Protein backbone atom coordinates (compact mmCIF):
# COMPACT_ATOMS: atom_id res chain seq x y z
CA UNK A 1 37.50 30.44 46.53
CA UNK A 2 33.83 29.72 47.23
CA UNK A 3 32.84 33.39 47.16
CA UNK A 4 30.63 34.32 44.19
CA UNK A 5 32.19 36.65 41.64
CA UNK A 6 30.25 39.56 40.09
CA UNK A 7 31.07 41.79 37.12
CA UNK A 8 29.97 45.43 37.47
CA UNK A 9 29.91 47.49 34.25
CA UNK A 10 29.44 51.25 34.53
CA UNK A 11 31.45 54.28 33.45
CA UNK A 12 30.46 56.23 36.58
CA UNK A 13 33.04 55.51 39.35
CA UNK A 14 30.54 56.40 42.09
CA UNK A 15 28.04 53.78 40.86
CA UNK A 16 30.78 51.14 40.57
CA UNK A 17 31.93 51.91 44.12
CA UNK A 18 28.38 51.75 45.49
CA UNK A 19 27.70 48.39 43.80
CA UNK A 20 31.07 46.99 44.89
CA UNK A 21 30.45 47.96 48.52
CA UNK A 22 26.90 46.57 48.48
CA UNK A 23 28.01 43.27 46.96
CA UNK A 24 30.99 43.11 49.29
CA UNK A 25 28.63 43.20 52.29
CA UNK A 26 26.90 40.18 50.70
CA UNK A 27 30.28 38.37 50.63
CA UNK A 28 30.50 38.68 46.83
CA UNK A 29 33.77 39.59 45.11
CA UNK A 30 33.63 42.04 42.19
CA UNK A 31 35.48 42.98 39.04
CA UNK A 32 34.67 46.30 37.33
CA UNK A 33 34.62 47.47 33.72
CA UNK A 34 33.93 50.96 32.36
CA UNK A 35 32.84 49.96 28.84
CA UNK A 36 31.62 47.11 26.64
CA UNK A 37 35.09 46.22 25.34
CA UNK A 38 36.58 45.83 28.82
CA UNK A 39 33.52 43.84 29.93
CA UNK A 40 33.84 41.34 27.07
CA UNK A 41 37.54 40.90 27.86
CA UNK A 42 36.79 40.14 31.54
CA UNK A 43 33.95 37.77 30.63
CA UNK A 44 36.44 35.82 28.54
CA UNK A 45 38.98 35.63 31.39
CA UNK A 46 36.79 34.80 34.42
CA UNK A 47 33.79 32.67 35.27
CA UNK A 48 31.33 35.16 36.77
CA UNK A 49 28.27 34.27 38.83
CA UNK A 50 26.37 37.45 37.97
CA UNK A 51 26.77 40.53 35.80
CA UNK A 52 25.32 44.02 36.46
CA UNK A 53 25.54 46.46 33.57
CA UNK A 54 24.46 50.03 32.93
CA UNK A 55 22.50 50.69 29.74
CA UNK A 56 24.56 53.63 28.47
CA UNK A 57 28.26 52.95 28.03
CA UNK A 58 30.98 54.92 26.17
CA UNK A 59 31.45 52.36 23.36
CA UNK A 60 27.98 50.83 23.15
CA UNK A 61 24.99 49.98 25.29
CA UNK A 62 23.84 47.35 27.74
CA UNK A 63 21.44 45.78 25.23
CA UNK A 64 24.33 45.03 22.88
CA UNK A 65 26.22 43.37 25.74
CA UNK A 66 23.20 41.34 26.87
CA UNK A 67 22.74 40.07 23.32
CA UNK A 68 26.46 39.23 23.00
CA UNK A 69 26.42 37.34 26.29
CA UNK A 70 23.67 34.96 25.09
CA UNK A 71 26.28 33.48 22.74
CA UNK A 72 29.57 34.03 24.55
CA UNK A 73 28.65 33.90 28.26
CA UNK A 74 25.21 32.29 28.26
CA UNK A 75 25.53 30.76 31.74
CA UNK A 76 26.05 34.16 33.46
CA UNK A 77 22.80 35.84 34.62
CA UNK A 78 22.86 39.52 33.68
CA UNK A 79 20.78 42.34 35.17
CA UNK A 80 20.64 45.76 33.48
CA UNK A 81 20.52 49.14 35.20
CA UNK A 82 18.00 51.41 33.46
CA UNK A 83 16.99 55.04 33.76
CA UNK A 84 13.97 55.67 35.98
CA UNK A 85 10.69 54.92 34.18
CA UNK A 86 12.32 53.50 31.05
CA UNK A 87 10.08 50.43 30.97
CA UNK A 88 10.38 49.89 27.21
CA UNK A 89 14.15 49.47 27.40
CA UNK A 90 13.83 47.17 30.40
CA UNK A 91 11.35 44.92 28.56
CA UNK A 92 13.64 44.84 25.52
CA UNK A 93 16.53 43.75 27.75
CA UNK A 94 14.43 40.92 29.22
CA UNK A 95 13.49 39.73 25.72
CA UNK A 96 17.17 39.61 24.78
CA UNK A 97 17.89 37.34 27.75
CA UNK A 98 18.54 39.61 30.75
CA UNK A 99 17.72 38.04 34.10
CA UNK A 100 16.17 41.21 35.56
CA UNK A 101 16.52 45.00 35.59
CA UNK A 102 17.22 47.65 38.23
CA UNK A 103 15.98 51.24 37.92
CA UNK A 104 17.92 54.35 38.88
CA UNK A 105 18.15 55.73 41.49
CA UNK A 106 19.28 52.39 42.86
CA UNK A 107 17.11 50.73 45.50
CA UNK A 108 19.73 48.70 47.39
CA UNK A 109 17.17 46.35 48.99
CA UNK A 110 15.80 45.53 45.54
CA UNK A 111 19.34 45.12 44.20
CA UNK A 112 20.17 42.61 46.95
CA UNK A 113 17.01 40.62 46.19
CA UNK A 114 17.81 40.47 42.49
CA UNK A 115 21.39 39.37 43.14
CA UNK A 116 20.29 36.68 45.63
CA UNK A 117 17.71 35.34 43.16
CA UNK A 118 20.28 35.23 40.36
CA UNK A 119 22.81 33.36 42.51
CA UNK A 120 20.13 30.91 43.67
CA UNK A 121 19.06 30.12 40.09
CA UNK A 122 22.69 29.75 38.99
CA UNK A 123 23.46 27.40 41.91
CA UNK A 124 20.40 25.30 41.10
CA UNK A 125 21.47 25.15 37.46
CA UNK A 126 24.97 23.94 38.41
CA UNK A 127 23.50 21.30 40.76
CA UNK A 128 21.16 20.01 38.04
CA UNK A 129 23.78 20.15 35.28
CA UNK A 130 26.17 18.06 37.37
CA UNK A 131 23.64 15.22 36.98
CA UNK A 132 23.88 15.47 33.19
CA UNK A 133 27.37 14.03 33.19
CA UNK A 134 29.69 13.52 30.26
CA UNK A 135 32.55 15.16 28.38
CA UNK A 136 31.63 13.96 24.89
CA UNK A 137 30.93 16.54 22.15
CA UNK A 138 27.30 15.35 21.97
CA UNK A 139 26.77 16.16 25.67
CA UNK A 140 28.48 19.54 25.33
CA UNK A 141 26.03 20.35 22.52
CA UNK A 142 23.10 19.15 24.63
CA UNK A 143 24.06 21.30 27.62
CA UNK A 144 24.50 24.32 25.34
CA UNK A 145 21.04 23.75 23.87
CA UNK A 146 19.50 23.39 27.34
CA UNK A 147 20.95 26.76 28.35
CA UNK A 148 19.48 28.38 25.22
CA UNK A 149 15.97 26.90 25.40
CA UNK A 150 15.71 27.41 29.19
CA UNK A 151 15.51 31.17 28.70
CA UNK A 152 12.65 30.83 26.21
CA UNK A 153 8.99 30.16 26.92
CA UNK A 154 8.52 28.22 23.67
CA UNK A 155 7.35 24.58 23.79
CA UNK A 156 10.25 22.13 23.54
CA UNK A 157 10.03 18.55 22.31
CA UNK A 158 12.72 16.21 23.65
CA UNK A 159 13.47 13.19 21.50
CA UNK A 160 15.67 10.22 22.27
CA UNK A 161 15.67 6.52 22.98
CA UNK A 162 14.24 5.01 26.15
CA UNK A 163 16.55 5.43 29.13
CA UNK A 164 18.60 8.35 27.78
CA UNK A 165 17.38 10.81 30.43
CA UNK A 166 14.68 12.83 28.69
CA UNK A 167 12.90 13.70 31.95
CA UNK A 168 16.19 14.84 33.48
CA UNK A 169 16.67 17.18 30.50
CA UNK A 170 13.13 18.51 30.99
CA UNK A 171 13.85 19.17 34.67
CA UNK A 172 17.07 20.99 33.73
CA UNK A 173 15.20 23.22 31.28
CA UNK A 174 12.62 24.04 33.95
CA UNK A 175 15.16 24.52 36.74
CA UNK A 176 17.39 26.78 34.66
CA UNK A 177 14.65 29.09 33.45
CA UNK A 178 12.40 31.86 34.77
CA UNK A 179 9.79 29.33 35.93
CA UNK A 180 12.22 27.56 38.27
CA UNK A 181 10.28 28.67 41.36
CA UNK A 182 7.05 27.25 39.91
CA UNK A 183 5.95 23.60 39.93
CA UNK A 184 7.37 20.94 37.61
CA UNK A 185 4.59 18.44 36.89
CA UNK A 186 5.65 15.28 35.00
CA UNK A 187 2.98 13.00 33.53
CA UNK A 188 3.34 9.74 31.62
CA UNK A 189 0.70 10.06 28.90
CA UNK A 190 0.65 6.30 28.36
CA UNK A 191 -0.14 5.56 32.00
CA UNK A 192 -3.50 7.38 32.20
CA UNK A 193 -6.62 5.36 31.23
CA UNK A 194 -8.36 6.94 28.23
CA UNK A 195 -11.67 7.34 30.09
CA UNK A 196 -9.96 9.37 32.87
CA UNK A 197 -7.64 11.41 30.68
CA UNK A 198 -9.77 14.55 30.32
CA UNK A 199 -10.47 14.69 34.06
CA UNK A 200 -6.79 14.13 34.90
CA UNK A 201 -5.57 16.86 32.54
CA UNK A 202 -8.29 19.48 32.98
CA UNK A 203 -9.81 18.66 36.38
CA UNK A 204 -13.51 18.21 37.18
CA UNK A 205 -16.36 19.63 39.19
CA UNK A 206 -18.13 17.81 41.98
CA UNK A 207 -20.96 15.65 40.63
CA UNK A 208 -19.81 15.87 37.00
CA UNK A 209 -19.65 12.06 36.80
CA UNK A 210 -20.05 9.04 39.05
CA UNK A 211 -17.30 9.14 41.66
CA UNK A 212 -16.66 12.88 41.37
CA UNK A 213 -17.36 13.59 45.05
CA UNK A 214 -15.23 16.76 45.15
CA UNK A 215 -13.85 19.42 42.82
CA UNK A 216 -10.44 18.37 41.55
CA UNK A 217 -7.71 20.42 39.89
CA UNK A 218 -6.20 18.91 36.75
CA UNK A 219 -2.56 18.49 35.88
CA UNK A 220 -2.57 21.75 33.93
CA UNK A 221 -3.88 23.73 36.88
CA UNK A 222 -1.33 22.03 39.16
CA UNK A 223 1.44 23.25 36.84
CA UNK A 224 0.26 26.89 36.99
CA UNK A 225 3.20 29.32 36.63
CA UNK A 226 5.47 26.31 36.08
CA UNK A 227 6.07 23.50 33.61
CA UNK A 228 3.97 20.54 32.48
CA UNK A 229 6.14 17.72 31.15
CA UNK A 230 4.23 15.36 28.85
CA UNK A 231 6.32 12.20 28.69
CA UNK A 232 5.50 9.68 25.96
CA UNK A 233 3.20 12.22 24.30
CA UNK A 234 2.94 9.88 21.31
CA UNK A 235 0.61 7.72 23.42
CA UNK A 236 -2.09 10.42 23.62
CA UNK A 237 -5.33 9.36 21.85
CA UNK A 238 -6.25 11.51 18.84
CA UNK A 239 -9.29 12.92 20.65
CA UNK A 240 -7.14 14.12 23.52
CA UNK A 241 -4.62 15.57 21.09
CA UNK A 242 -7.33 17.92 19.76
CA UNK A 243 -8.16 19.14 23.27
CA UNK A 244 -4.52 19.62 24.19
CA UNK A 245 -3.94 21.62 21.00
CA UNK A 246 -6.71 24.01 21.97
CA UNK A 247 -5.24 24.46 25.46
CA UNK A 248 -1.84 25.35 23.97
CA UNK A 249 -3.43 27.80 21.52
CA UNK A 250 -5.94 29.47 23.84
CA UNK A 251 -4.15 29.01 27.20
CA UNK A 252 -7.50 28.04 28.71
CA UNK A 253 -9.02 24.83 30.09
CA UNK A 254 -12.57 23.80 30.87
CA UNK A 255 -12.78 21.32 33.78
CA UNK A 256 -15.22 18.44 33.23
CA UNK A 257 -18.66 19.61 34.36
CA UNK A 258 -17.70 23.32 34.44
CA UNK A 259 -19.57 26.02 32.52
CA UNK A 260 -16.65 28.44 32.34
CA UNK A 261 -13.09 28.14 31.07
CA UNK A 262 -10.10 28.87 33.28
CA UNK A 263 -6.94 30.64 32.14
CA UNK A 264 -3.71 28.70 32.68
CA UNK A 265 -0.11 29.88 32.49
CA UNK A 266 1.95 26.77 31.80
CA UNK A 267 5.02 25.98 29.73
CA UNK A 268 4.68 22.71 27.82
CA UNK A 269 7.64 20.35 27.46
CA UNK A 270 7.12 16.96 25.83
CA UNK A 271 9.10 13.82 25.04
CA UNK A 272 8.85 10.45 23.37
CA UNK A 273 11.16 7.70 22.16
CA UNK A 274 8.97 7.24 19.07
CA UNK A 275 9.35 8.98 15.69
CA UNK A 276 6.66 11.67 15.77
CA UNK A 277 7.32 12.78 12.19
CA UNK A 278 6.61 9.26 10.97
CA UNK A 279 3.51 9.06 13.16
CA UNK A 280 2.23 12.29 11.56
CA UNK A 281 2.84 10.81 8.10
CA UNK A 282 0.95 7.65 9.14
CA UNK A 283 -1.98 9.65 10.52
CA UNK A 284 -1.31 8.50 14.10
CA UNK A 285 -0.44 11.95 15.45
CA UNK A 286 -2.00 15.29 14.57
CA UNK A 287 0.20 17.45 12.37
CA UNK A 288 -1.10 20.72 13.91
CA UNK A 289 -0.27 19.52 17.43
CA UNK A 290 3.14 18.28 16.26
CA UNK A 291 4.10 21.76 15.06
CA UNK A 292 2.78 23.34 18.28
CA UNK A 293 4.82 21.15 20.64
CA UNK A 294 7.85 20.92 18.36
CA UNK A 295 8.69 24.64 18.17
CA UNK A 296 12.16 23.67 19.41
CA UNK A 297 13.43 20.08 19.18
CA UNK A 298 16.17 18.86 21.46
CA UNK A 299 17.68 15.42 20.92
CA UNK A 300 19.24 13.42 23.75
CA UNK A 301 22.03 11.17 22.42
CA UNK A 302 22.11 7.44 23.04
CA UNK A 303 24.73 6.18 25.49
CA UNK A 304 26.55 4.27 22.75
CA UNK A 305 27.11 7.61 20.96
CA UNK A 306 28.86 9.17 23.95
CA UNK A 307 32.23 7.38 23.97
CA UNK A 308 34.03 7.28 27.32
CA UNK A 309 31.08 8.91 29.11
CA UNK A 310 29.87 5.43 30.00
CA UNK A 311 32.86 4.91 32.35
CA UNK A 312 32.34 8.27 34.06
CA UNK A 313 28.66 7.45 34.53
CA UNK A 314 29.44 3.97 35.86
CA UNK A 315 31.84 5.34 38.49
CA UNK A 316 29.29 7.99 39.47
CA UNK A 317 26.46 5.45 39.81
CA UNK A 318 28.59 3.17 42.00
CA UNK A 319 29.52 6.13 44.20
CA UNK A 320 25.87 7.19 44.47
CA UNK A 321 24.94 3.65 45.51
CA UNK A 322 27.51 3.92 48.31
CA UNK A 323 29.16 0.78 46.96
CA UNK A 324 32.79 -0.02 47.65
CA UNK A 325 32.85 -2.21 44.52
CA UNK A 326 35.01 -1.10 41.59
CA UNK A 327 35.15 -2.14 37.95
CA UNK A 328 38.13 -4.18 36.80
CA UNK A 329 39.80 -3.47 33.45
CA UNK A 330 37.88 -6.17 31.56
CA UNK A 331 34.57 -4.84 32.89
CA UNK A 332 35.45 -1.31 31.80
CA UNK A 333 36.42 -2.54 28.34
CA UNK A 334 33.14 -4.49 28.12
CA UNK A 335 31.16 -1.37 29.02
CA UNK A 336 32.88 0.60 26.26
CA UNK A 337 32.06 -2.10 23.68
CA UNK A 338 28.45 -2.70 24.68
CA UNK A 339 25.73 -0.91 22.68
CA UNK A 340 23.32 -0.26 25.59
CA UNK A 341 19.89 -0.49 23.95
CA UNK A 342 18.46 0.59 27.32
CA UNK A 343 20.94 3.47 27.67
CA UNK A 344 21.65 5.06 31.08
CA UNK A 345 18.70 3.33 32.74
CA UNK A 346 20.05 -0.03 31.61
CA UNK A 347 23.52 0.88 32.92
CA UNK A 348 22.03 1.66 36.34
CA UNK A 349 20.15 -1.66 36.46
CA UNK A 350 23.22 -3.53 35.26
CA UNK A 351 25.44 -2.05 37.99
CA UNK A 352 22.87 -2.63 40.74
CA UNK A 353 22.74 -6.29 39.74
CA UNK A 354 26.54 -6.54 39.48
CA UNK A 355 27.06 -5.07 42.96
CA UNK A 356 24.70 -7.71 44.35
CA UNK A 357 26.43 -10.56 42.49
CA UNK A 358 30.10 -9.72 42.97
CA UNK A 359 31.68 -11.05 46.16
CA UNK A 360 35.26 -9.84 45.85
CA UNK A 361 34.60 -6.11 45.71
CA UNK A 362 35.80 -6.10 42.11
CA UNK A 363 33.13 -6.14 39.41
CA UNK A 364 34.25 -8.35 36.54
CA UNK A 365 32.84 -8.44 33.02
CA UNK A 366 30.83 -11.57 33.83
CA UNK A 367 29.12 -9.85 36.76
CA UNK A 368 27.62 -7.30 34.34
CA UNK A 369 25.58 -10.04 32.62
CA UNK A 370 25.43 -8.20 29.31
CA UNK A 371 23.11 -9.43 26.63
CA UNK A 372 24.68 -10.85 23.52
CA UNK A 373 25.04 -8.53 20.53
CA UNK A 374 22.28 -10.39 18.70
CA UNK A 375 19.93 -9.47 21.54
CA UNK A 376 20.99 -5.85 21.83
CA UNK A 377 19.66 -4.24 18.68
CA UNK A 378 17.60 -1.13 19.27
CA UNK A 379 14.50 -2.90 17.93
CA UNK A 380 14.50 -5.20 20.96
CA UNK A 381 12.80 -4.00 24.14
CA UNK A 382 15.46 -2.56 26.42
CA UNK A 383 15.92 -3.51 30.03
CA UNK A 384 14.70 0.00 30.72
CA UNK A 385 11.36 -0.90 29.10
CA UNK A 386 8.83 -3.51 30.27
CA UNK A 387 11.47 -5.90 31.63
CA UNK A 388 13.12 -3.06 33.51
CA UNK A 389 9.76 -2.04 34.95
CA UNK A 390 9.17 -5.62 36.15
CA UNK A 391 12.58 -5.68 37.85
CA UNK A 392 11.79 -2.40 39.59
CA UNK A 393 8.39 -3.72 40.69
CA UNK A 394 10.08 -6.75 42.29
CA UNK A 395 12.65 -4.52 44.03
CA UNK A 396 9.91 -2.17 45.23
CA UNK A 397 7.83 -5.05 46.63
CA UNK A 398 10.82 -6.54 48.47
CA UNK A 399 11.72 -3.19 50.05
CA UNK A 400 8.13 -2.45 51.09
CA UNK A 401 7.81 -5.92 52.67
CA UNK A 402 11.09 -5.45 54.56
CA UNK A 403 9.98 -2.04 55.81
CA UNK A 404 6.66 -3.43 56.97
CA UNK A 405 8.34 -6.35 58.75
CA UNK A 406 10.65 -3.97 60.61
CA UNK A 407 7.91 -1.40 61.31
CA UNK A 408 9.64 1.03 58.95
CA UNK A 409 12.99 0.88 60.73
CA UNK A 410 15.25 1.52 57.73
CA UNK A 411 18.39 0.32 59.49
CA UNK A 412 16.79 -3.05 60.27
CA UNK A 413 15.18 -3.25 56.84
CA UNK A 414 18.58 -2.69 55.19
CA UNK A 415 20.07 -5.58 57.21
CA UNK A 416 17.16 -7.80 56.25
CA UNK A 417 17.76 -7.04 52.57
CA UNK A 418 21.55 -7.36 52.80
CA UNK A 419 22.08 -3.70 51.89
CA UNK A 420 23.85 -0.80 53.56
CA UNK A 421 21.63 1.94 54.99
CA UNK A 422 22.68 4.37 52.23
CA UNK A 423 22.04 1.75 49.51
CA UNK A 424 18.53 1.25 50.86
CA UNK A 425 17.92 4.99 51.05
CA UNK A 426 19.14 5.35 47.45
CA UNK A 427 16.77 2.63 46.21
CA UNK A 428 13.81 4.01 48.18
CA UNK A 429 14.36 7.37 46.49
CA UNK A 430 14.93 5.87 43.05
CA UNK A 431 11.81 3.69 43.20
CA UNK A 432 9.65 6.46 44.60
CA UNK A 433 8.66 4.59 47.77
CA UNK A 434 6.89 6.88 50.23
């Protein structure tokens, strides 16, 4: 069934009936429980899309259940029903992980809004999580950690090798949390020239420097009420690290040329493939900033640590490319044995190349053009690094030229490039071509 399933917990039959009828009109199926014990049993037997619980129950209270669910049913959004005016209890429920609260007497319009928001967030979370594929224990642990940190507002530092999917993890944390409706602003700290960094992060006022012809909002202001993702934060100059630390501590920024500070409400997520602890020890990264951004650390495993996940990912990538090509047995064995210094990004590049090279519709091990083991140590630059960037630049240039030649007729451009329409559309999206 595609109908959402809700769990209603209340020892008053009239309230249960009212909620069941209201949810039924929203095409939502319901199960009911009269106490905490029955609710826990049902949560263990079914996969619910939302849970509504009263605060006062015969064998416990709603706060106890909310707290229990954070460990045993963390993916289920739970809203608590509180007595009128009991704001303190409602706030306590939110701190424990409740999605929202509903005051008695029940406002059915408000109830419907809360339920719709919960279902929308849960659907978005499922859609995002489906992109973080894999059945290995390491990926199960990662998904569990994402669910836990998404509910928090604490800064999270995401570590992992190049190409493992650190930005995807950051997007999942943002999309699964209370800031999901706000902006997600990713920035590559190593890609901003040092002389423009302060203006880019904090914004500037008109006339504050040569070329400042208008007021401009910075990245922090653009991420207001959302998330700022600082990728490759290890590349921030020490001077900028000091200024960023103050923003995190004070939650205020001063645009270049401004006389007053501005308050900002932004959650900071960061990532790098470098060893920040070692950089702190070497004096290359500020220790005080390290502890501010590293309140929670989340490590993304390398592809070679994920076992058979590589085959699941390979099949998914080929399907997403709209390719009819399949991997033969030798190719699949080769993928399992390869160490993938460039991780998932390298796998994507490898398969794109193999689809282009293979003529029989069957991708063989030779089509994958894997580097020799002596070339694949993690100390070597991965295909997902500078070489991978160069390959993407060449692909981007070829696509742009084909689009220009065909006056942006994608069907004709695809023929010119020897691609299917869906393959071209996939590459346009992947390479960020407007």
